[in-house]
N, C-alpha and C. Protein backbone atom coordinates (compact mmCIF):
# COMPACT_ATOMS: atom_id res chain seq x y z
N UNK A 1 98.23 87.55 77.83
CA UNK A 1 98.18 87.24 79.23
C UNK A 1 99.36 87.89 79.94
N UNK A 2 99.09 88.44 81.12
CA UNK A 2 100.10 89.11 81.92
C UNK A 2 100.18 88.44 83.28
N UNK A 3 101.40 88.18 83.73
CA UNK A 3 101.63 87.62 85.06
C UNK A 3 102.31 88.67 85.92
N UNK A 4 101.82 88.84 87.15
CA UNK A 4 102.34 89.84 88.07
C UNK A 4 102.83 89.17 89.34
N UNK A 5 103.99 89.60 89.83
CA UNK A 5 104.57 89.07 91.06
C UNK A 5 104.99 90.23 91.94
N UNK A 6 104.35 90.35 93.12
CA UNK A 6 104.69 91.40 94.07
C UNK A 6 105.75 90.91 95.05
N UNK A 7 106.51 91.85 95.59
CA UNK A 7 107.49 91.55 96.62
C UNK A 7 107.76 92.81 97.43
N UNK A 8 108.41 92.65 98.58
CA UNK A 8 108.80 93.79 99.39
C UNK A 8 107.98 94.00 100.63
N UNK A 9 106.93 93.21 100.82
CA UNK A 9 106.12 93.34 102.02
C UNK A 9 106.85 92.84 103.24
N UNK A 10 106.29 93.13 104.40
CA UNK A 10 106.90 92.70 105.65
C UNK A 10 106.32 93.43 106.83
N UNK A 11 106.98 93.30 107.96
CA UNK A 11 106.58 93.95 109.20
C UNK A 11 107.48 95.14 109.46
N UNK A 12 106.88 96.29 109.73
CA UNK A 12 107.64 97.50 109.96
C UNK A 12 106.99 98.30 111.09
N UNK A 13 107.78 99.04 111.82
CA UNK A 13 107.28 99.87 112.90
C UNK A 13 106.64 101.14 112.36
N UNK A 14 105.64 101.64 113.06
CA UNK A 14 104.99 102.88 112.65
C UNK A 14 106.02 103.99 112.46
N UNK A 15 105.86 104.74 111.37
CA UNK A 15 106.81 105.78 111.03
C UNK A 15 107.91 105.33 110.10
N UNK A 16 108.02 104.03 109.88
CA UNK A 16 109.04 103.49 109.02
C UNK A 16 108.65 103.49 107.55
N UNK A 17 109.50 102.89 106.73
CA UNK A 17 109.31 102.87 105.29
C UNK A 17 109.41 101.46 104.73
N UNK A 18 108.79 101.27 103.59
CA UNK A 18 108.81 100.00 102.90
C UNK A 18 108.68 100.28 101.41
N UNK A 19 109.32 99.48 100.58
CA UNK A 19 109.24 99.65 99.14
C UNK A 19 108.74 98.36 98.50
N UNK A 20 107.58 98.43 97.86
CA UNK A 20 107.01 97.28 97.18
C UNK A 20 107.39 97.30 95.71
N UNK A 21 107.58 96.11 95.16
CA UNK A 21 107.89 95.97 93.74
C UNK A 21 106.91 95.01 93.10
N UNK A 22 106.66 95.21 91.82
CA UNK A 22 105.78 94.33 91.06
C UNK A 22 106.38 94.15 89.68
N UNK A 23 106.74 92.91 89.37
CA UNK A 23 107.31 92.58 88.06
C UNK A 23 106.23 91.96 87.19
N UNK A 24 106.09 92.48 86.00
CA UNK A 24 105.05 92.03 85.08
C UNK A 24 105.65 91.46 83.80
N UNK A 25 105.01 90.43 83.28
CA UNK A 25 105.39 89.88 81.99
C UNK A 25 104.59 90.58 80.89
N UNK A 26 105.05 90.42 79.65
CA UNK A 26 104.32 91.00 78.54
C UNK A 26 105.08 92.09 77.82
N UNK A 27 105.16 91.98 76.51
CA UNK A 27 105.92 92.94 75.72
C UNK A 27 105.28 94.31 75.66
N UNK A 28 103.98 94.39 75.90
CA UNK A 28 103.27 95.66 75.83
C UNK A 28 103.05 96.30 77.19
N UNK A 29 103.83 95.90 78.16
CA UNK A 29 103.71 96.44 79.50
C UNK A 29 103.76 97.95 79.52
N UNK A 30 104.64 98.53 78.74
CA UNK A 30 104.81 99.99 78.73
C UNK A 30 103.56 100.72 78.26
N UNK A 31 102.68 100.03 77.56
CA UNK A 31 101.46 100.64 77.06
C UNK A 31 100.27 100.49 78.00
N UNK A 32 100.46 99.82 79.13
CA UNK A 32 99.39 99.58 80.09
C UNK A 32 99.47 100.57 81.25
N UNK A 33 98.34 100.82 81.87
CA UNK A 33 98.33 101.56 83.13
C UNK A 33 98.46 100.56 84.28
N UNK A 34 99.01 101.01 85.40
CA UNK A 34 99.27 100.14 86.54
C UNK A 34 98.63 100.74 87.78
N UNK A 35 98.30 99.87 88.72
CA UNK A 35 97.72 100.35 89.96
C UNK A 35 98.10 99.48 91.15
N UNK A 36 98.03 100.07 92.32
CA UNK A 36 98.18 99.36 93.58
C UNK A 36 96.88 99.46 94.36
N UNK A 37 96.43 98.34 94.89
CA UNK A 37 95.25 98.26 95.73
C UNK A 37 95.62 97.57 97.03
N UNK A 38 94.78 97.70 98.04
CA UNK A 38 95.03 97.01 99.29
C UNK A 38 93.71 96.54 99.90
N UNK A 39 93.80 95.49 100.70
CA UNK A 39 92.62 94.94 101.34
C UNK A 39 92.97 94.46 102.74
N UNK A 40 92.31 95.03 103.73
CA UNK A 40 92.48 94.64 105.12
C UNK A 40 91.39 93.63 105.49
N UNK A 41 91.62 92.81 106.52
CA UNK A 41 90.61 91.83 106.94
C UNK A 41 89.27 92.49 107.24
N UNK A 42 88.21 91.93 106.67
CA UNK A 42 86.87 92.45 106.91
C UNK A 42 86.51 93.69 106.13
N UNK A 43 87.41 94.16 105.26
CA UNK A 43 87.15 95.35 104.48
C UNK A 43 87.24 95.05 102.98
N UNK A 44 86.62 95.91 102.19
CA UNK A 44 86.66 95.73 100.75
C UNK A 44 87.97 96.26 100.19
N UNK A 45 88.31 95.80 99.00
CA UNK A 45 89.53 96.24 98.36
C UNK A 45 89.43 97.72 98.00
N UNK A 46 90.51 98.46 98.28
CA UNK A 46 90.50 99.89 98.01
C UNK A 46 91.69 100.31 97.16
N UNK A 47 91.47 101.34 96.39
CA UNK A 47 92.49 101.91 95.54
C UNK A 47 93.53 102.64 96.37
N UNK A 48 94.80 102.47 96.03
CA UNK A 48 95.89 103.14 96.72
C UNK A 48 96.59 104.15 95.82
N UNK A 49 97.05 103.69 94.65
CA UNK A 49 97.77 104.56 93.73
C UNK A 49 97.71 104.01 92.32
N UNK A 50 97.79 104.89 91.33
CA UNK A 50 97.79 104.48 89.94
C UNK A 50 98.77 105.30 89.13
N UNK A 51 99.21 104.73 88.02
CA UNK A 51 100.17 105.40 87.15
C UNK A 51 99.87 105.03 85.70
N UNK A 52 99.88 106.03 84.82
CA UNK A 52 99.64 105.80 83.41
C UNK A 52 100.95 105.51 82.69
N UNK A 53 100.87 105.19 81.41
CA UNK A 53 102.01 104.69 80.67
C UNK A 53 103.20 105.63 80.66
N UNK A 54 102.96 106.93 80.65
CA UNK A 54 104.06 107.89 80.59
C UNK A 54 104.88 107.92 81.87
N UNK A 55 104.28 107.53 82.98
CA UNK A 55 104.95 107.57 84.26
C UNK A 55 104.87 108.92 84.94
N UNK A 56 104.41 109.93 84.24
CA UNK A 56 104.32 111.27 84.80
C UNK A 56 102.93 111.59 85.33
N UNK A 57 101.94 110.80 84.96
CA UNK A 57 100.56 111.00 85.38
C UNK A 57 100.22 109.98 86.46
N UNK A 58 100.11 110.45 87.70
CA UNK A 58 99.85 109.56 88.83
C UNK A 58 98.64 110.02 89.61
N UNK A 59 98.08 109.11 90.40
CA UNK A 59 96.90 109.39 91.20
C UNK A 59 97.02 108.63 92.51
N UNK A 60 96.55 109.23 93.61
CA UNK A 60 96.67 108.62 94.92
C UNK A 60 95.37 108.74 95.70
N UNK A 61 95.12 107.75 96.55
CA UNK A 61 94.03 107.87 97.49
C UNK A 61 94.36 108.96 98.49
N UNK A 62 93.33 109.65 98.98
CA UNK A 62 93.55 110.74 99.93
C UNK A 62 94.32 110.28 101.17
N UNK A 63 94.10 109.05 101.58
CA UNK A 63 94.70 108.54 102.79
C UNK A 63 96.22 108.34 102.70
N UNK A 64 96.77 108.31 101.48
CA UNK A 64 98.20 108.07 101.31
C UNK A 64 98.93 109.22 100.64
N UNK A 65 98.23 110.26 100.24
CA UNK A 65 98.87 111.39 99.59
C UNK A 65 99.93 112.02 100.48
N UNK A 66 101.09 112.28 99.90
CA UNK A 66 102.19 112.85 100.65
C UNK A 66 103.07 111.83 101.34
N UNK A 67 102.61 110.58 101.40
CA UNK A 67 103.38 109.53 102.06
C UNK A 67 103.84 108.43 101.11
N UNK A 68 103.01 108.10 100.12
CA UNK A 68 103.33 107.04 99.16
C UNK A 68 103.69 107.64 97.81
N UNK A 69 104.56 106.94 97.08
CA UNK A 69 104.93 107.36 95.73
C UNK A 69 104.94 106.15 94.81
N UNK A 70 104.20 106.23 93.71
CA UNK A 70 104.20 105.17 92.72
C UNK A 70 105.10 105.57 91.56
N UNK A 71 105.84 104.61 91.03
CA UNK A 71 106.71 104.86 89.89
C UNK A 71 106.81 103.59 89.06
N UNK A 72 107.33 103.71 87.86
CA UNK A 72 107.48 102.54 87.00
C UNK A 72 108.75 102.62 86.19
N UNK A 73 109.29 101.46 85.87
CA UNK A 73 110.45 101.33 85.01
C UNK A 73 110.04 100.39 83.89
N UNK A 74 109.65 100.96 82.77
CA UNK A 74 109.12 100.17 81.67
C UNK A 74 110.16 99.21 81.08
N UNK A 75 111.43 99.60 81.11
CA UNK A 75 112.49 98.74 80.59
C UNK A 75 112.61 97.46 81.40
N UNK A 76 112.26 97.53 82.69
CA UNK A 76 112.33 96.37 83.57
C UNK A 76 110.97 95.73 83.82
N UNK A 77 109.93 96.26 83.17
CA UNK A 77 108.57 95.76 83.38
C UNK A 77 108.21 95.73 84.87
N UNK A 78 108.54 96.80 85.56
CA UNK A 78 108.38 96.84 87.00
C UNK A 78 107.70 98.14 87.45
N UNK A 79 106.81 98.01 88.42
CA UNK A 79 106.19 99.16 89.06
C UNK A 79 106.52 99.10 90.55
N UNK A 80 106.71 100.27 91.16
CA UNK A 80 107.10 100.35 92.55
C UNK A 80 106.10 101.16 93.36
N UNK A 81 106.07 100.89 94.65
CA UNK A 81 105.30 101.71 95.58
C UNK A 81 106.19 101.99 96.78
N UNK A 82 106.70 103.21 96.86
CA UNK A 82 107.48 103.65 98.00
C UNK A 82 106.54 104.13 99.08
N UNK A 83 106.62 103.52 100.26
CA UNK A 83 105.70 103.80 101.35
C UNK A 83 106.49 104.37 102.52
N UNK A 84 106.25 105.64 102.83
CA UNK A 84 106.93 106.32 103.92
C UNK A 84 105.93 106.71 105.01
N UNK A 85 106.45 107.00 106.18
CA UNK A 85 105.62 107.41 107.32
C UNK A 85 104.44 106.46 107.52
N UNK A 86 104.73 105.19 107.53
CA UNK A 86 103.68 104.17 107.61
C UNK A 86 102.93 104.24 108.93
N UNK A 87 101.63 103.97 108.84
CA UNK A 87 100.73 103.99 109.99
C UNK A 87 100.11 102.61 110.18
N UNK A 88 99.66 102.29 111.39
CA UNK A 88 99.01 100.99 111.61
C UNK A 88 97.83 100.75 110.67
N UNK A 89 97.11 101.79 110.31
CA UNK A 89 95.97 101.65 109.41
C UNK A 89 96.37 101.32 107.97
N UNK A 90 97.66 101.35 107.67
CA UNK A 90 98.15 100.92 106.36
C UNK A 90 98.28 99.40 106.28
N UNK A 91 98.12 98.71 107.38
CA UNK A 91 98.23 97.26 107.41
C UNK A 91 97.19 96.62 106.49
N UNK A 92 97.65 95.81 105.55
CA UNK A 92 96.76 95.18 104.58
C UNK A 92 97.59 94.29 103.65
N UNK A 93 96.89 93.52 102.83
CA UNK A 93 97.53 92.84 101.72
C UNK A 93 97.50 93.80 100.53
N UNK A 94 98.66 94.03 99.94
CA UNK A 94 98.77 94.96 98.83
C UNK A 94 98.86 94.19 97.52
N UNK A 95 98.05 94.61 96.55
CA UNK A 95 97.97 93.95 95.26
C UNK A 95 98.40 94.89 94.14
N UNK A 96 99.18 94.37 93.23
CA UNK A 96 99.52 95.05 92.00
C UNK A 96 98.53 94.65 90.92
N UNK A 97 98.11 95.59 90.10
CA UNK A 97 97.14 95.30 89.05
C UNK A 97 97.50 96.02 87.76
N UNK A 98 97.08 95.44 86.65
CA UNK A 98 97.33 95.99 85.32
C UNK A 98 96.01 96.20 84.60
N UNK A 99 95.87 97.37 84.02
CA UNK A 99 94.74 97.66 83.15
C UNK A 99 95.25 97.74 81.72
N UNK A 100 94.67 96.96 80.85
CA UNK A 100 95.12 96.91 79.46
C UNK A 100 94.59 98.12 78.70
N UNK A 101 95.10 99.26 79.10
CA UNK A 101 94.73 100.55 78.55
C UNK A 101 95.76 101.57 78.99
N UNK A 102 96.04 102.58 78.16
CA UNK A 102 96.96 103.63 78.61
C UNK A 102 96.34 104.58 79.62
N UNK A 103 95.03 104.46 79.81
CA UNK A 103 94.30 105.33 80.73
C UNK A 103 94.08 104.64 82.06
N UNK A 104 94.31 105.36 83.14
CA UNK A 104 94.21 104.80 84.47
C UNK A 104 92.78 104.77 85.00
N UNK A 105 92.62 104.08 86.12
CA UNK A 105 91.32 103.94 86.76
C UNK A 105 91.52 103.59 88.23
N UNK A 106 90.58 103.99 89.08
CA UNK A 106 90.59 103.62 90.48
C UNK A 106 89.55 102.55 90.80
N UNK A 107 88.91 102.03 89.78
CA UNK A 107 87.86 101.04 89.92
C UNK A 107 88.45 99.65 89.69
N UNK A 108 88.43 98.78 90.70
CA UNK A 108 89.05 97.46 90.56
C UNK A 108 88.54 96.64 89.38
N UNK A 109 87.26 96.78 89.05
CA UNK A 109 86.68 95.97 87.98
C UNK A 109 87.18 96.36 86.60
N UNK A 110 87.87 97.48 86.50
CA UNK A 110 88.41 97.89 85.21
C UNK A 110 89.83 97.38 84.98
N UNK A 111 90.38 96.66 85.94
CA UNK A 111 91.72 96.07 85.80
C UNK A 111 91.62 94.62 85.33
N UNK A 112 92.55 94.24 84.47
CA UNK A 112 92.48 92.96 83.80
C UNK A 112 93.31 91.86 84.47
N UNK A 113 94.41 92.23 85.09
CA UNK A 113 95.31 91.25 85.69
C UNK A 113 95.69 91.65 87.11
N UNK A 114 95.87 90.64 87.96
CA UNK A 114 96.18 90.87 89.37
C UNK A 114 97.28 89.94 89.86
N UNK A 115 98.13 90.46 90.76
CA UNK A 115 99.10 89.62 91.42
C UNK A 115 98.48 88.91 92.61
N UNK A 116 99.27 88.11 93.31
CA UNK A 116 98.78 87.34 94.45
C UNK A 116 98.79 88.14 95.74
N UNK A 117 99.46 89.27 95.76
CA UNK A 117 99.47 90.12 96.93
C UNK A 117 100.68 89.91 97.82
N UNK A 118 101.02 90.94 98.58
CA UNK A 118 102.09 90.87 99.56
C UNK A 118 101.63 91.56 100.84
N UNK A 119 101.88 90.90 101.97
CA UNK A 119 101.39 91.39 103.26
C UNK A 119 102.27 92.52 103.78
N UNK A 120 101.62 93.60 104.20
CA UNK A 120 102.29 94.72 104.87
C UNK A 120 101.66 94.87 106.25
N UNK A 121 102.48 94.79 107.28
CA UNK A 121 102.01 94.93 108.65
C UNK A 121 102.78 96.04 109.34
N UNK A 122 102.06 97.01 109.87
CA UNK A 122 102.67 98.15 110.55
C UNK A 122 102.30 98.08 112.03
N UNK A 123 103.30 97.97 112.88
CA UNK A 123 103.08 97.85 114.32
C UNK A 123 103.25 99.19 115.01
N UNK A 124 102.62 99.31 116.18
CA UNK A 124 102.73 100.52 116.97
C UNK A 124 103.96 100.47 117.86
């Protein structure tokens, strides 16, 4: 069993930056792939970014490429999402997720564990 706790959300002005963190329990964390998803009111959950166990293989949604960066620190059992040049359309609840596999995925149903989410609000 893996427990995930997200933090770092808040209210920020358009064009600003925010850094999300997700701390995970479990001795085999380094062997899992990690992902960030987001869900806005009235919309389905969407993939934002993913990272495989090595930390060098990453994937991003087209809407965030060039603005967001996912990284992980296996020694600290932590994954990060650096969010720059934020836009109002980035407003959503952001969820950290773990897939019990070294291979990544953008499909929510392939992830085994989820955090409770952290609210990100971008104002104009």
